[in-house]
C-alpha atoms as a PDB file:
ATOM      1  CA  MET A   1     -36.267-147.658-177.157  1.00  0.00           C
ATOM      2  CA  ILE A   2     -36.403-150.795-175.082  1.00  0.00           C
ATOM      3  CA  SER A   3     -34.811-150.776-171.691  1.00  0.00           C
ATOM      4  CA  THR A   4     -34.044-153.640-169.453  1.00  0.00           C
ATOM      5  CA  LEU A   5     -34.176-153.509-165.722  1.00  0.00           C
ATOM      6  CA  LEU A   6     -31.844-155.876-163.989  1.00  0.00           C
ATOM      7  CA  LEU A   7     -32.251-156.540-160.332  1.00  0.00           C
ATOM      8  CA  SER A   8     -29.369-157.780-158.347  1.00  0.00           C
ATOM      9  CA  GLY A   9     -28.799-158.142-154.701  1.00  0.00           C
ATOM     10  CA  CYS A  10     -25.857-158.211-152.434  1.00  0.00           C
ATOM     11  CA  PRO A  11     -25.720-160.386-149.398  1.00  0.00           C
ATOM     12  CA  GLY A  12     -26.708-158.499-146.302  1.00  0.00           C
ATOM     13  CA  THR A  13     -26.421-159.046-142.597  1.00  0.00           C
ATOM     14  CA  ARG A  14     -29.747-160.902-142.435  1.00  0.00           C
ATOM     15  CA  ASP A  15     -29.109-163.165-145.430  1.00  0.00           C
ATOM     16  CA  ARG A  16     -28.958-166.814-144.521  1.00  0.00           C
ATOM     17  CA  ILE A  17     -25.528-168.367-144.845  1.00  0.00           C
ATOM     18  CA  PRO A  18     -25.774-171.541-146.940  1.00  0.00           C
ATOM     19  CA  SER A  19     -25.288-174.589-144.758  1.00  0.00           C
ATOM     20  CA  THR A  20     -22.840-176.592-146.783  1.00  0.00           C
ATOM     21  CA  GLU A  21     -20.599-178.032-144.114  1.00  0.00           C
ATOM     22  CA  LYS A  22     -21.119-180.816-141.616  1.00  0.00           C
ATOM     23  CA  ALA A  23     -19.905-180.449-138.048  1.00  0.00           C
ATOM     24  CA  ASP A  24     -18.648-183.461-136.103  1.00  0.00           C
ATOM     25  CA  VAL A  25     -20.072-184.512-132.765  1.00  0.00           C
ATOM     26  CA  ILE A  26     -18.264-186.851-130.383  1.00  0.00           C
ATOM     27  CA  LEU A  27     -18.146-187.585-126.687  1.00  0.00           C
ATOM     28  CA  GLN A  28     -15.172-186.202-124.823  1.00  0.00           C
ATOM     29  CA  LYS A  29     -14.930-186.888-121.091  1.00  0.00           C
ATOM     30  CA  ASN A  30     -18.616-187.908-121.158  1.00  0.00           C
ATOM     31  CA  GLU A  31     -19.591-184.489-122.557  1.00  0.00           C
ATOM     32  CA  VAL A  32     -21.016-183.541-125.969  1.00  0.00           C
ATOM     33  CA  CYS A  33     -18.209-182.130-128.119  1.00  0.00           C
ATOM     34  CA  VAL A  34     -19.025-180.442-131.450  1.00  0.00           C
ATOM     35  CA  ARG A  35     -16.064-179.681-133.734  1.00  0.00           C
ATOM     36  CA  VAL A  36     -15.534-177.958-137.080  1.00  0.00           C
ATOM     37  CA  GLN A  37     -12.612-177.396-139.454  1.00  0.00           C
ATOM     38  CA  PRO A  38     -11.930-173.658-139.875  1.00  0.00           C
ATOM     39  CA  HIS A  39     -10.093-172.270-142.906  1.00  0.00           C
ATOM     40  CA  ASP A  40      -7.462-169.524-142.803  1.00  0.00           C
ATOM     41  CA  ASP A  41      -8.543-166.767-140.389  1.00  0.00           C
ATOM     42  CA  GLU A  42     -12.088-168.020-139.743  1.00  0.00           C
ATOM     43  CA  LYS A  43     -13.289-167.538-136.188  1.00  0.00           C
ATOM     44  CA  LEU A  44     -16.365-168.606-134.263  1.00  0.00           C
ATOM     45  CA  GLU A  45     -19.078-165.951-134.585  1.00  0.00           C
ATOM     46  CA  ALA A  46     -22.174-167.805-133.364  1.00  0.00           C
ATOM     47  CA  ILE A  47     -23.678-171.104-132.249  1.00  0.00           C
ATOM     48  CA  SER A  48     -27.301-172.200-132.115  1.00  0.00           C
ATOM     49  CA  ILE A  49     -28.658-175.217-130.242  1.00  0.00           C
ATOM     50  CA  TYR A  50     -32.192-176.580-129.935  1.00  0.00           C
ATOM     51  CA  PRO A  51     -34.160-179.821-129.602  1.00  0.00           C
ATOM     52  CA  LEU A  52     -35.443-180.814-133.061  1.00  0.00           C
ATOM     53  CA  SER A  53     -38.975-181.027-131.707  1.00  0.00           C
ATOM     54  CA  GLN A  54     -38.835-177.436-130.402  1.00  0.00           C
ATOM     55  CA  SER A  55     -37.152-175.161-132.944  1.00  0.00           C
ATOM     56  CA  GLU A  56     -38.841-172.187-131.250  1.00  0.00           C
ATOM     57  CA  GLY A  57     -36.747-173.040-128.184  1.00  0.00           C
ATOM     58  CA  ARG A  58     -33.558-172.231-130.075  1.00  0.00           C
ATOM     59  CA  THR A  59     -30.770-170.582-128.147  1.00  0.00           C
ATOM     60  CA  THR A  60     -28.239-168.549-130.113  1.00  0.00           C
ATOM     61  CA  ARG A  61     -25.049-167.109-128.774  1.00  0.00           C
ATOM     62  CA  PHE A  62     -22.974-164.538-130.643  1.00  0.00           C
ATOM     63  CA  PHE A  63     -19.310-164.090-129.760  1.00  0.00           C
ATOM     64  CA  SER A  64     -17.861-160.591-129.756  1.00  0.00           C
ATOM     65  CA  PRO A  65     -14.996-160.614-130.205  1.00  0.00           C
ATOM     66  CA  MET A  66     -15.112-163.754-132.310  1.00  0.00           C
ATOM     67  CA  VAL A  67     -13.298-166.791-130.892  1.00  0.00           C
ATOM     68  CA  SER A  68     -10.362-168.650-132.460  1.00  0.00           C
ATOM     69  CA  VAL A  69     -10.998-172.379-132.856  1.00  0.00           C
ATOM     70  CA  ASN A  70      -9.257-175.309-134.498  1.00  0.00           C
ATOM     71  CA  ALA A  71     -10.291-178.787-135.626  1.00  0.00           C
ATOM     72  CA  THR A  72      -9.743-180.261-132.149  1.00  0.00           C
ATOM     73  CA  THR A  73     -11.552-177.523-130.198  1.00  0.00           C
ATOM     74  CA  CYS A  74     -14.811-178.549-128.524  1.00  0.00           C
ATOM     75  CA  LEU A  75     -17.197-175.709-129.281  1.00  0.00           C
ATOM     76  CA  PRO A  76     -19.182-174.169-126.415  1.00  0.00           C
ATOM     77  CA  ASN A  77     -22.465-175.765-125.402  1.00  0.00           C
ATOM     78  CA  ASN A  78     -23.781-172.447-124.137  1.00  0.00           C
ATOM     79  CA  GLY A  79     -24.744-174.077-120.839  1.00  0.00           C
ATOM     80  CA  PHE A  80     -27.150-176.329-122.723  1.00  0.00           C
ATOM     81  CA  ASP A  81     -28.342-179.369-120.757  1.00  0.00           C
ATOM     82  CA  TYR A  82     -28.704-182.326-123.124  1.00  0.00           C
ATOM     83  CA  GLU A  83     -31.502-184.682-122.076  1.00  0.00           C
ATOM     84  CA  ASP A  84     -31.746-188.428-122.585  1.00  0.00           C
ATOM     85  CA  ASN A  85     -33.245-189.698-125.866  1.00  0.00           C
ATOM     86  CA  ILE A  86     -33.791-186.215-127.297  1.00  0.00           C
ATOM     87  CA  ALA A  87     -32.650-185.217-130.801  1.00  0.00           C
ATOM     88  CA  TYR A  88     -30.787-181.907-131.136  1.00  0.00           C
ATOM     89  CA  HIS A  89     -29.699-179.489-133.842  1.00  0.00           C
ATOM     90  CA  TYR A  90     -26.389-177.640-133.347  1.00  0.00           C
ATOM     91  CA  SER A  91     -25.254-175.054-135.885  1.00  0.00           C
ATOM     92  CA  VAL A  92     -22.068-173.027-136.033  1.00  0.00           C
ATOM     93  CA  LYS A  93     -21.170-169.872-137.937  1.00  0.00           C
ATOM     94  CA  LEU A  94     -17.514-169.202-138.758  1.00  0.00           C
ATOM     95  CA  THR A  95     -16.541-165.849-140.263  1.00  0.00           C
ATOM     96  CA  SER A  96     -13.395-164.705-142.047  1.00  0.00           C
ATOM     97  CA  ALA A  97     -12.508-161.089-141.213  1.00  0.00           C
ATOM     98  CA  LYS A  98     -10.145-160.977-144.229  1.00  0.00           C
ATOM     99  CA  LYS A  99     -12.879-161.999-146.674  1.00  0.00           C
ATOM    100  CA  GLN A 100     -15.406-159.707-145.014  1.00  0.00           C
ATOM    101  CA  SER A 101     -13.142-156.643-145.222  1.00  0.00           C
ATOM    102  CA  ALA A 102     -12.290-157.499-148.854  1.00  0.00           C
ATOM    103  CA  GLN A 103     -16.043-157.868-149.541  1.00  0.00           C
ATOM    104  CA  GLN A 104     -15.570-161.443-150.745  1.00  0.00           C
ATOM    105  CA  TRP A 105     -18.771-163.448-150.454  1.00  0.00           C
ATOM    106  CA  PRO A 106     -19.387-165.740-148.809  1.00  0.00           C
ATOM    107  CA  PHE A 107     -17.211-164.569-145.959  1.00  0.00           C
ATOM    108  CA  SER A 108     -18.976-166.911-143.522  1.00  0.00           C
ATOM    109  CA  ARG A 109     -19.648-170.625-143.478  1.00  0.00           C
ATOM    110  CA  GLU A 110     -22.298-172.474-141.510  1.00  0.00           C
ATOM    111  CA  PHE A 111     -21.828-175.956-140.145  1.00  0.00           C
ATOM    112  CA  GLU A 112     -24.502-178.152-138.645  1.00  0.00           C
ATOM    113  CA  VAL A 113     -24.994-181.503-137.025  1.00  0.00           C
ATOM    114  CA  GLU A 114     -28.065-183.276-135.685  1.00  0.00           C
ATOM    115  CA  PHE A 115     -27.740-185.937-133.031  1.00  0.00           C
ATOM    116  CA  ARG A 116     -29.510-187.829-130.275  1.00  0.00           C
ATOM    117  CA  VAL A 117     -28.135-188.146-126.765  1.00  0.00           C
ATOM    118  CA  LYS A 118     -28.617-191.461-124.966  1.00  0.00           C
ATOM    119  CA  LYS A 119     -27.707-192.008-121.327  1.00  0.00           C
ATOM    120  CA  SER A 120     -27.336-195.434-119.747  1.00  0.00           C
ATOM    121  CA  ASP A 121     -25.723-196.412-116.437  1.00  0.00           C
ATOM    122  CA  GLY A 122     -24.249-192.932-116.039  1.00  0.00           C
ATOM    123  CA  LYS A 123     -22.647-193.107-119.483  1.00  0.00           C
ATOM    124  CA  MET A 124     -23.631-190.944-122.408  1.00  0.00           C
ATOM    125  CA  GLN A 125     -23.795-192.033-126.063  1.00  0.00           C
ATOM    126  CA  ILE A 126     -24.207-189.937-129.201  1.00  0.00           C
ATOM    127  CA  GLU A 127     -26.155-191.056-132.264  1.00  0.00           C
ATOM    128  CA  THR A 128     -25.544-188.828-135.295  1.00  0.00           C
ATOM    129  CA  LEU A 129     -28.729-188.260-137.317  1.00  0.00           C
ATOM    130  CA  VAL A 130     -29.244-187.539-141.005  1.00  0.00           C
ATOM    131  CA  PRO A 131     -30.900-184.093-141.348  1.00  0.00           C
ATOM    132  CA  GLN A 132     -34.455-184.331-142.740  1.00  0.00           C
ATOM    133  CA  ARG A 133     -34.312-181.173-144.861  1.00  0.00           C
END
């Protein structure tokens, strides 16, 4: 008798959410404003910000309870101080409670944007970068 062993896995809490979405970054009132487009009941679960040259300096903030956002909402900067001529990575995790409770995967989506901040004469500019991954 020949038997076959099939291994399968289910996504767990530490599984990486595929980054398939691009966040937008603009200036609003001379401040960095990152925005995403949520679907259905998706809410903001987490953000992560770090200079590209210092990924070990990443700051992550989890929101409990999760926060409602829309396409025009500027996401929190977590008190992050953006410095002149530095490139940054900003990622966002949105989670759908409906999909999670129905065990539909993926129930979360990750968005990301990389950008450089430039300051001149008291004015800030944003240069969106193409991720090098």
